[in-house]
Amino acid sequence: MAEIKQTEVTSVSQPIVTSEKKISESTEKRPDGTTVKKVITEQAVKSDNQDDPERIAISQSLIAALQSRLGSDETNLWQFNTGLSLSWAVSKLRYTNERQRVLDSLRQQIQSAPSKISAEYIAEIQKILETLEKSNPTTEDRQQIGQIMSKLFRNQ
């Protein structure tokens, strides 16, 4: 982790917002008299930052080290790898050339689940896979994926 922090770029450029769409807006009056306005937007951004090869290498090394440490614990290793697959799926699925590989990775995780993993946990991952398999997931689909992932990560 220290190596990753050392490679942080000192002059981080801000991403350029190419489009923004309001998804929802709500106002809530709280018992203490305050009013909270919540606006959820979706932004498309373009970043000038290129992936730093050194940071990528360090991150891959960290992942490999964690996998090695978990190697004797089948359940925790599977959960760790499932988390990697899910985050990879969410970040890479937009790229059509990665689509099949991403979906295959999630299918493999489901098929290789150790017996200690609950059927409910597998069902939630299956819901994510089914949603990601849609050719054009909606905003609601993406929100549902986020909610399921949050639930999975909290309840491991």
N, C-alpha and C. Protein backbone atom coordinates (compact mmCIF):
# COMPACT_ATOMS: atom_id res chain seq x y z
N MET A 1 0.83 -1.18 0.00
CA MET A 1 0.00 0.00 0.00
C MET A 1 0.88 1.25 0.00
N ALA A 2 1.99 1.18 0.73
CA ALA A 2 2.88 2.33 0.78
C ALA A 2 3.44 2.62 -0.61
N GLU A 3 3.74 1.56 -1.36
CA GLU A 3 4.26 1.75 -2.72
C GLU A 3 3.23 2.45 -3.60
N ILE A 4 1.98 2.10 -3.45
CA ILE A 4 0.94 2.73 -4.26
C ILE A 4 0.85 4.22 -3.93
N LYS A 5 0.90 4.55 -2.64
CA LYS A 5 0.83 5.95 -2.25
C LYS A 5 2.02 6.74 -2.79
N GLN A 6 3.18 6.10 -2.87
CA GLN A 6 4.37 6.78 -3.37
C GLN A 6 4.25 7.11 -4.85
N THR A 7 3.46 6.36 -5.58
CA THR A 7 3.33 6.59 -7.02
C THR A 7 2.23 7.57 -7.38
N GLU A 8 1.53 8.08 -6.36
CA GLU A 8 0.45 9.03 -6.65
C GLU A 8 1.01 10.25 -7.37
N VAL A 9 0.29 10.68 -8.37
CA VAL A 9 0.70 11.84 -9.15
C VAL A 9 0.39 13.09 -8.34
N THR A 10 1.36 14.01 -8.28
CA THR A 10 1.16 15.21 -7.48
C THR A 10 0.23 16.20 -8.16
N SER A 11 0.27 16.26 -9.46
CA SER A 11 -0.62 17.19 -10.17
C SER A 11 -1.73 16.40 -10.85
N VAL A 12 -2.74 16.09 -10.08
CA VAL A 12 -3.87 15.31 -10.60
C VAL A 12 -4.80 16.24 -11.35
N SER A 13 -5.03 15.94 -12.62
CA SER A 13 -5.97 16.77 -13.38
C SER A 13 -7.39 16.25 -13.15
N GLN A 14 -8.31 17.17 -13.11
CA GLN A 14 -9.70 16.83 -12.89
C GLN A 14 -10.30 16.29 -14.18
N PRO A 15 -11.18 15.29 -14.07
CA PRO A 15 -11.84 14.77 -15.27
C PRO A 15 -12.74 15.84 -15.88
N ILE A 16 -12.91 15.76 -17.17
CA ILE A 16 -13.76 16.69 -17.89
C ILE A 16 -15.13 16.06 -18.05
N VAL A 17 -16.17 16.75 -17.56
CA VAL A 17 -17.54 16.24 -17.67
C VAL A 17 -18.02 16.49 -19.09
N THR A 18 -18.35 15.39 -19.80
CA THR A 18 -18.82 15.53 -21.18
C THR A 18 -20.34 15.58 -21.26
N SER A 19 -21.02 15.01 -20.28
CA SER A 19 -22.48 15.12 -20.22
C SER A 19 -22.93 14.81 -18.80
N GLU A 20 -24.08 15.37 -18.45
CA GLU A 20 -24.63 15.15 -17.12
C GLU A 20 -26.14 15.01 -17.23
N LYS A 21 -26.69 14.04 -16.52
CA LYS A 21 -28.12 13.78 -16.58
C LYS A 21 -28.63 13.61 -15.15
N LYS A 22 -29.69 14.37 -14.80
CA LYS A 22 -30.28 14.25 -13.47
C LYS A 22 -31.14 13.00 -13.45
N ILE A 23 -30.90 12.14 -12.47
CA ILE A 23 -31.65 10.90 -12.34
C ILE A 23 -32.83 11.08 -11.39
N SER A 24 -32.56 11.70 -10.24
CA SER A 24 -33.64 11.93 -9.29
C SER A 24 -33.29 13.09 -8.37
N GLU A 25 -34.33 13.64 -7.75
CA GLU A 25 -34.14 14.74 -6.83
C GLU A 25 -35.20 14.60 -5.74
N SER A 26 -34.77 14.79 -4.49
CA SER A 26 -35.73 14.72 -3.38
C SER A 26 -35.32 15.71 -2.29
N THR A 27 -36.31 16.13 -1.53
CA THR A 27 -36.07 17.03 -0.40
C THR A 27 -36.66 16.38 0.83
N GLU A 28 -35.90 16.44 1.92
CA GLU A 28 -36.33 15.80 3.16
C GLU A 28 -36.20 16.79 4.31
N LYS A 29 -37.28 16.95 5.08
CA LYS A 29 -37.23 17.77 6.29
C LYS A 29 -36.93 16.84 7.45
N ARG A 30 -35.89 17.17 8.18
CA ARG A 30 -35.47 16.34 9.31
C ARG A 30 -36.08 16.85 10.60
N PRO A 31 -36.18 15.96 11.60
CA PRO A 31 -36.77 16.35 12.89
C PRO A 31 -36.05 17.52 13.56
N ASP A 32 -34.77 17.70 13.28
CA ASP A 32 -34.03 18.78 13.92
C ASP A 32 -34.24 20.12 13.22
N GLY A 33 -35.13 20.16 12.22
CA GLY A 33 -35.46 21.40 11.53
C GLY A 33 -34.66 21.67 10.27
N THR A 34 -33.67 20.83 10.00
CA THR A 34 -32.87 21.03 8.79
C THR A 34 -33.57 20.41 7.59
N THR A 35 -33.26 20.93 6.44
CA THR A 35 -33.78 20.40 5.19
C THR A 35 -32.61 19.87 4.37
N VAL A 36 -32.76 18.66 3.88
CA VAL A 36 -31.71 18.04 3.09
C VAL A 36 -32.24 17.81 1.67
N LYS A 37 -31.51 18.32 0.71
CA LYS A 37 -31.88 18.12 -0.68
C LYS A 37 -30.90 17.11 -1.27
N LYS A 38 -31.42 16.09 -1.90
CA LYS A 38 -30.61 15.03 -2.47
C LYS A 38 -30.85 15.01 -3.98
N VAL A 39 -29.76 15.15 -4.73
CA VAL A 39 -29.83 15.11 -6.18
C VAL A 39 -28.88 14.03 -6.66
N ILE A 40 -29.39 13.08 -7.42
CA ILE A 40 -28.55 12.03 -7.98
C ILE A 40 -28.41 12.31 -9.47
N THR A 41 -27.15 12.40 -9.90
CA THR A 41 -26.87 12.65 -11.31
C THR A 41 -25.96 11.56 -11.84
N GLU A 42 -25.98 11.45 -13.14
CA GLU A 42 -25.08 10.54 -13.83
C GLU A 42 -24.23 11.40 -14.75
N GLN A 43 -22.91 11.25 -14.66
CA GLN A 43 -22.02 12.05 -15.47
C GLN A 43 -21.16 11.15 -16.35
N ALA A 44 -20.96 11.59 -17.56
CA ALA A 44 -19.97 10.96 -18.44
C ALA A 44 -18.75 11.86 -18.37
N VAL A 45 -17.61 11.27 -18.07
CA VAL A 45 -16.41 12.08 -17.93
C VAL A 45 -15.30 11.57 -18.84
N LYS A 46 -14.44 12.48 -19.19
CA LYS A 46 -13.26 12.15 -19.97
C LYS A 46 -12.07 12.60 -19.14
N SER A 47 -11.17 11.71 -18.89
CA SER A 47 -10.01 12.04 -18.07
C SER A 47 -8.76 12.05 -18.93
N ASP A 48 -7.89 13.00 -18.66
CA ASP A 48 -6.61 13.03 -19.34
C ASP A 48 -5.61 12.08 -18.70
N ASN A 49 -5.96 11.58 -17.51
CA ASN A 49 -5.05 10.68 -16.81
C ASN A 49 -4.97 9.34 -17.52
N GLN A 50 -3.78 8.91 -17.78
CA GLN A 50 -3.57 7.57 -18.32
C GLN A 50 -3.24 6.66 -17.15
N ASP A 51 -3.54 5.38 -17.30
CA ASP A 51 -3.18 4.44 -16.25
C ASP A 51 -1.66 4.46 -16.09
N ASP A 52 -1.23 4.61 -14.87
CA ASP A 52 0.19 4.63 -14.55
C ASP A 52 0.67 3.18 -14.49
N PRO A 53 1.55 2.78 -15.40
CA PRO A 53 2.01 1.38 -15.43
C PRO A 53 2.62 0.92 -14.10
N GLU A 54 3.30 1.82 -13.42
CA GLU A 54 3.90 1.45 -12.14
C GLU A 54 2.83 1.14 -11.10
N ARG A 55 1.79 1.97 -11.05
CA ARG A 55 0.69 1.74 -10.10
C ARG A 55 -0.05 0.45 -10.44
N ILE A 56 -0.23 0.19 -11.73
CA ILE A 56 -0.91 -1.04 -12.14
C ILE A 56 -0.10 -2.24 -11.69
N ALA A 57 1.21 -2.21 -11.92
CA ALA A 57 2.07 -3.33 -11.53
C ALA A 57 2.04 -3.55 -10.02
N ILE A 58 2.09 -2.46 -9.25
CA ILE A 58 2.05 -2.58 -7.80
C ILE A 58 0.71 -3.14 -7.36
N SER A 59 -0.38 -2.68 -7.97
CA SER A 59 -1.71 -3.17 -7.61
C SER A 59 -1.84 -4.66 -7.93
N GLN A 60 -1.33 -5.06 -9.09
CA GLN A 60 -1.38 -6.48 -9.46
C GLN A 60 -0.55 -7.32 -8.50
N SER A 61 0.58 -6.78 -8.07
CA SER A 61 1.42 -7.49 -7.11
C SER A 61 0.70 -7.63 -5.77
N LEU A 62 0.03 -6.58 -5.35
CA LEU A 62 -0.73 -6.62 -4.10
C LEU A 62 -1.85 -7.65 -4.17
N ILE A 63 -2.56 -7.66 -5.28
CA ILE A 63 -3.65 -8.64 -5.46
C ILE A 63 -3.10 -10.06 -5.41
N ALA A 64 -1.97 -10.30 -6.12
CA ALA A 64 -1.37 -11.63 -6.12
C ALA A 64 -0.93 -12.03 -4.71
N ALA A 65 -0.37 -11.08 -3.95
CA ALA A 65 0.06 -11.38 -2.58
C ALA A 65 -1.13 -11.73 -1.70
N LEU A 66 -2.22 -11.00 -1.85
CA LEU A 66 -3.42 -11.30 -1.06
C LEU A 66 -4.00 -12.66 -1.45
N GLN A 67 -4.02 -12.96 -2.74
CA GLN A 67 -4.51 -14.27 -3.18
C GLN A 67 -3.64 -15.38 -2.61
N SER A 68 -2.34 -15.15 -2.58
CA SER A 68 -1.42 -16.14 -2.03
C SER A 68 -1.68 -16.37 -0.54
N ARG A 69 -1.90 -15.28 0.19
CA ARG A 69 -2.18 -15.40 1.63
C ARG A 69 -3.49 -16.13 1.89
N LEU A 70 -4.45 -15.94 0.99
CA LEU A 70 -5.76 -16.58 1.17
C LEU A 70 -5.81 -17.99 0.57
N GLY A 71 -4.74 -18.39 -0.07
CA GLY A 71 -4.70 -19.66 -0.81
C GLY A 71 -5.18 -20.87 -0.04
N SER A 72 -4.94 -20.92 1.26
CA SER A 72 -5.36 -22.09 2.03
C SER A 72 -6.78 -21.96 2.56
N ASP A 73 -7.41 -20.82 2.35
CA ASP A 73 -8.78 -20.59 2.81
C ASP A 73 -9.70 -20.45 1.60
N GLU A 74 -10.22 -21.58 1.16
CA GLU A 74 -10.99 -21.63 -0.08
C GLU A 74 -12.14 -20.63 -0.13
N THR A 75 -12.87 -20.50 0.95
CA THR A 75 -14.04 -19.62 0.98
C THR A 75 -13.63 -18.15 0.86
N ASN A 76 -12.67 -17.72 1.67
CA ASN A 76 -12.24 -16.33 1.61
C ASN A 76 -11.56 -16.00 0.29
N LEU A 77 -10.79 -16.92 -0.26
CA LEU A 77 -10.16 -16.71 -1.56
C LEU A 77 -11.23 -16.55 -2.64
N TRP A 78 -12.25 -17.39 -2.59
CA TRP A 78 -13.33 -17.30 -3.57
C TRP A 78 -14.05 -15.95 -3.44
N GLN A 79 -14.33 -15.53 -2.21
CA GLN A 79 -15.00 -14.25 -2.02
C GLN A 79 -14.14 -13.09 -2.50
N PHE A 80 -12.85 -13.15 -2.23
CA PHE A 80 -11.94 -12.10 -2.70
C PHE A 80 -11.95 -12.05 -4.23
N ASN A 81 -11.81 -13.20 -4.86
CA ASN A 81 -11.81 -13.25 -6.33
C ASN A 81 -13.15 -12.84 -6.92
N THR A 82 -14.23 -13.15 -6.24
CA THR A 82 -15.55 -12.73 -6.70
C THR A 82 -15.66 -11.21 -6.63
N GLY A 83 -15.15 -10.62 -5.57
CA GLY A 83 -15.13 -9.16 -5.46
C GLY A 83 -14.34 -8.53 -6.60
N LEU A 84 -13.20 -9.13 -6.93
CA LEU A 84 -12.41 -8.64 -8.07
C LEU A 84 -13.19 -8.75 -9.36
N SER A 85 -13.83 -9.90 -9.57
CA SER A 85 -14.61 -10.11 -10.80
C SER A 85 -15.77 -9.13 -10.90
N LEU A 86 -16.45 -8.89 -9.79
CA LEU A 86 -17.58 -7.95 -9.80
C LEU A 86 -17.11 -6.53 -10.09
N SER A 87 -16.03 -6.11 -9.46
CA SER A 87 -15.55 -4.75 -9.72
C SER A 87 -15.04 -4.62 -11.14
N TRP A 88 -14.40 -5.65 -11.64
CA TRP A 88 -13.93 -5.67 -13.03
C TRP A 88 -15.12 -5.60 -13.98
N ALA A 89 -16.17 -6.36 -13.67
CA ALA A 89 -17.36 -6.38 -14.52
C ALA A 89 -17.99 -5.00 -14.62
N VAL A 90 -18.16 -4.36 -13.48
CA VAL A 90 -18.81 -3.06 -13.46
C VAL A 90 -17.96 -2.01 -14.20
N SER A 91 -16.65 -2.10 -14.06
CA SER A 91 -15.80 -1.08 -14.69
C SER A 91 -15.52 -1.35 -16.16
N LYS A 92 -15.52 -2.60 -16.59
CA LYS A 92 -15.11 -2.94 -17.96
C LYS A 92 -16.25 -3.29 -18.90
N LEU A 93 -17.45 -3.49 -18.39
CA LEU A 93 -18.52 -4.01 -19.23
C LEU A 93 -18.92 -3.06 -20.35
N ARG A 94 -18.64 -1.80 -20.18
CA ARG A 94 -19.00 -0.83 -21.22
C ARG A 94 -18.24 -1.07 -22.52
N TYR A 95 -17.07 -1.66 -22.39
CA TYR A 95 -16.23 -1.89 -23.56
C TYR A 95 -16.62 -3.21 -24.20
N THR A 96 -17.19 -3.14 -25.39
CA THR A 96 -17.75 -4.33 -26.02
C THR A 96 -16.70 -5.41 -26.26
N ASN A 97 -15.46 -5.04 -26.49
CA ASN A 97 -14.45 -6.06 -26.72
C ASN A 97 -14.11 -6.83 -25.43
N GLU A 98 -14.50 -6.32 -24.28
CA GLU A 98 -14.27 -6.99 -23.00
C GLU A 98 -15.52 -7.73 -22.51
N ARG A 99 -16.65 -7.47 -23.12
CA ARG A 99 -17.94 -7.96 -22.61
C ARG A 99 -17.96 -9.47 -22.35
N GLN A 100 -17.60 -10.25 -23.33
CA GLN A 100 -17.69 -11.71 -23.17
C GLN A 100 -16.74 -12.21 -22.09
N ARG A 101 -15.54 -11.65 -22.05
CA ARG A 101 -14.56 -12.06 -21.04
C ARG A 101 -15.05 -11.73 -19.63
N VAL A 102 -15.65 -10.56 -19.47
CA VAL A 102 -16.18 -10.13 -18.17
C VAL A 102 -17.31 -11.07 -17.73
N LEU A 103 -18.24 -11.33 -18.62
CA LEU A 103 -19.37 -12.19 -18.27
C LEU A 103 -18.91 -13.62 -17.99
N ASP A 104 -17.95 -14.11 -18.77
CA ASP A 104 -17.40 -15.45 -18.53
C ASP A 104 -16.73 -15.55 -17.17
N SER A 105 -16.05 -14.48 -16.77
CA SER A 105 -15.38 -14.45 -15.47
C SER A 105 -16.40 -14.59 -14.34
N LEU A 106 -17.51 -13.86 -14.46
CA LEU A 106 -18.55 -13.97 -13.42
C LEU A 106 -19.21 -15.35 -13.42
N ARG A 107 -19.45 -15.89 -14.61
CA ARG A 107 -20.04 -17.24 -14.68
C ARG A 107 -19.11 -18.26 -14.01
N GLN A 108 -17.81 -18.12 -14.25
CA GLN A 108 -16.83 -19.02 -13.65
C GLN A 108 -16.84 -18.92 -12.14
N GLN A 109 -16.97 -17.71 -11.62
CA GLN A 109 -17.03 -17.53 -10.17
C GLN A 109 -18.25 -18.24 -9.59
N ILE A 110 -19.37 -18.10 -10.26
CA ILE A 110 -20.60 -18.76 -9.78
C ILE A 110 -20.42 -20.27 -9.80
N GLN A 111 -19.86 -20.80 -10.88
CA GLN A 111 -19.69 -22.25 -11.01
C GLN A 111 -18.66 -22.82 -10.04
N SER A 112 -17.69 -22.03 -9.65
CA SER A 112 -16.61 -22.54 -8.80
C SER A 112 -16.84 -22.24 -7.31
N ALA A 113 -18.03 -21.84 -6.96
CA ALA A 113 -18.31 -21.48 -5.56
C ALA A 113 -18.11 -22.68 -4.63
N PRO A 114 -17.38 -22.48 -3.54
CA PRO A 114 -17.22 -23.56 -2.56
C PRO A 114 -18.56 -23.90 -1.91
N SER A 115 -18.65 -25.08 -1.35
CA SER A 115 -19.91 -25.53 -0.75
C SER A 115 -20.34 -24.67 0.43
N LYS A 116 -19.41 -23.96 1.07
CA LYS A 116 -19.75 -23.12 2.22
C LYS A 116 -20.46 -21.82 1.84
N ILE A 117 -20.47 -21.48 0.56
CA ILE A 117 -21.11 -20.25 0.11
C ILE A 117 -22.61 -20.50 0.02
N SER A 118 -23.39 -19.61 0.61
CA SER A 118 -24.84 -19.82 0.67
C SER A 118 -25.48 -19.69 -0.71
N ALA A 119 -26.59 -20.36 -0.87
CA ALA A 119 -27.35 -20.31 -2.11
C ALA A 119 -27.86 -18.88 -2.36
N GLU A 120 -28.19 -18.17 -1.29
CA GLU A 120 -28.68 -16.79 -1.42
C GLU A 120 -27.58 -15.87 -1.98
N TYR A 121 -26.36 -16.08 -1.52
CA TYR A 121 -25.22 -15.29 -1.99
C TYR A 121 -25.01 -15.53 -3.48
N ILE A 122 -25.05 -16.78 -3.88
CA ILE A 122 -24.89 -17.14 -5.29
C ILE A 122 -26.04 -16.55 -6.11
N ALA A 123 -27.25 -16.59 -5.58
CA ALA A 123 -28.42 -16.04 -6.29
C ALA A 123 -28.25 -14.55 -6.54
N GLU A 124 -27.68 -13.83 -5.57
CA GLU A 124 -27.46 -12.39 -5.74
C GLU A 124 -26.43 -12.13 -6.84
N ILE A 125 -25.39 -12.91 -6.88
CA ILE A 125 -24.39 -12.75 -7.94
C ILE A 125 -25.02 -13.09 -9.30
N GLN A 126 -25.88 -14.09 -9.32
CA GLN A 126 -26.58 -14.47 -10.55
C GLN A 126 -27.46 -13.32 -11.04
N LYS A 127 -28.11 -12.60 -10.10
CA LYS A 127 -28.93 -11.44 -10.48
C LYS A 127 -28.08 -10.38 -11.15
N ILE A 128 -26.88 -10.15 -10.59
CA ILE A 128 -25.98 -9.17 -11.19
C ILE A 128 -25.59 -9.62 -12.59
N LEU A 129 -25.24 -10.89 -12.73
CA LEU A 129 -24.85 -11.42 -14.05
C LEU A 129 -25.98 -11.26 -15.06
N GLU A 130 -27.19 -11.59 -14.66
CA GLU A 130 -28.33 -11.47 -15.57
C GLU A 130 -28.55 -10.02 -15.99
N THR A 131 -28.38 -9.11 -15.07
CA THR A 131 -28.53 -7.69 -15.40
C THR A 131 -27.43 -7.23 -16.34
N LEU A 132 -26.20 -7.67 -16.08
CA LEU A 132 -25.07 -7.28 -16.93
C LEU A 132 -25.16 -7.91 -18.33
N GLU A 133 -25.87 -9.01 -18.44
CA GLU A 133 -26.02 -9.67 -19.74
C GLU A 133 -26.96 -8.90 -20.67
N LYS A 134 -27.76 -7.99 -20.12
CA LYS A 134 -28.64 -7.19 -20.96
C LYS A 134 -27.80 -6.35 -21.91
N SER A 135 -28.25 -6.23 -23.13
CA SER A 135 -27.48 -5.46 -24.11
C SER A 135 -27.43 -3.98 -23.79
N ASN A 136 -28.47 -3.47 -23.14
CA ASN A 136 -28.50 -2.05 -22.81
C ASN A 136 -29.11 -1.85 -21.42
N PRO A 137 -28.32 -2.08 -20.36
CA PRO A 137 -28.88 -1.93 -19.02
C PRO A 137 -29.33 -0.49 -18.75
N THR A 138 -30.43 -0.35 -18.04
CA THR A 138 -30.98 0.97 -17.72
C THR A 138 -30.30 1.53 -16.48
N THR A 139 -30.60 2.77 -16.18
CA THR A 139 -30.08 3.41 -14.97
C THR A 139 -30.56 2.63 -13.74
N GLU A 140 -31.80 2.18 -13.77
CA GLU A 140 -32.34 1.40 -12.66
C GLU A 140 -31.58 0.08 -12.52
N ASP A 141 -31.22 -0.53 -13.65
CA ASP A 141 -30.44 -1.77 -13.61
C ASP A 141 -29.09 -1.53 -12.92
N ARG A 142 -28.43 -0.43 -13.29
CA ARG A 142 -27.13 -0.11 -12.70
C ARG A 142 -27.27 0.19 -11.21
N GLN A 143 -28.35 0.85 -10.82
CA GLN A 143 -28.59 1.11 -9.40
C GLN A 143 -28.82 -0.19 -8.65
N GLN A 144 -29.56 -1.10 -9.26
CA GLN A 144 -29.82 -2.39 -8.63
C GLN A 144 -28.51 -3.17 -8.44
N ILE A 145 -27.64 -3.12 -9.43
CA ILE A 145 -26.34 -3.78 -9.31
C ILE A 145 -25.57 -3.21 -8.12
N GLY A 146 -25.56 -1.88 -8.01
CA GLY A 146 -24.87 -1.23 -6.90
C GLY A 146 -25.43 -1.65 -5.55
N GLN A 147 -26.75 -1.74 -5.46
CA GLN A 147 -27.38 -2.15 -4.21
C GLN A 147 -27.04 -3.59 -3.86
N ILE A 148 -27.08 -4.46 -4.85
CA ILE A 148 -26.75 -5.87 -4.59
C ILE A 148 -25.29 -6.01 -4.17
N MET A 149 -24.40 -5.31 -4.89
CA MET A 149 -22.98 -5.40 -4.55
C MET A 149 -22.72 -4.89 -3.14
N SER A 150 -23.36 -3.80 -2.78
CA SER A 150 -23.20 -3.26 -1.43
C SER A 150 -23.66 -4.28 -0.40
N LYS A 151 -24.78 -4.91 -0.66
CA LYS A 151 -25.32 -5.93 0.24
C LYS A 151 -24.36 -7.11 0.35
N LEU A 152 -23.82 -7.56 -0.79
CA LEU A 152 -22.91 -8.69 -0.79
C LEU A 152 -21.64 -8.39 0.01
N PHE A 153 -21.08 -7.21 -0.20
CA PHE A 153 -19.83 -6.86 0.44
C PHE A 153 -19.99 -6.65 1.94
N ARG A 154 -21.15 -6.18 2.36
CA ARG A 154 -21.41 -6.00 3.80
C ARG A 154 -21.68 -7.30 4.51
N ASN A 155 -22.32 -8.25 3.80
CA ASN A 155 -22.79 -9.46 4.45
C ASN A 155 -21.95 -10.69 4.16
N GLN A 156 -20.71 -10.51 3.82
CA GLN A 156 -19.87 -11.69 3.57
C GLN A 156 -19.71 -12.42 4.85
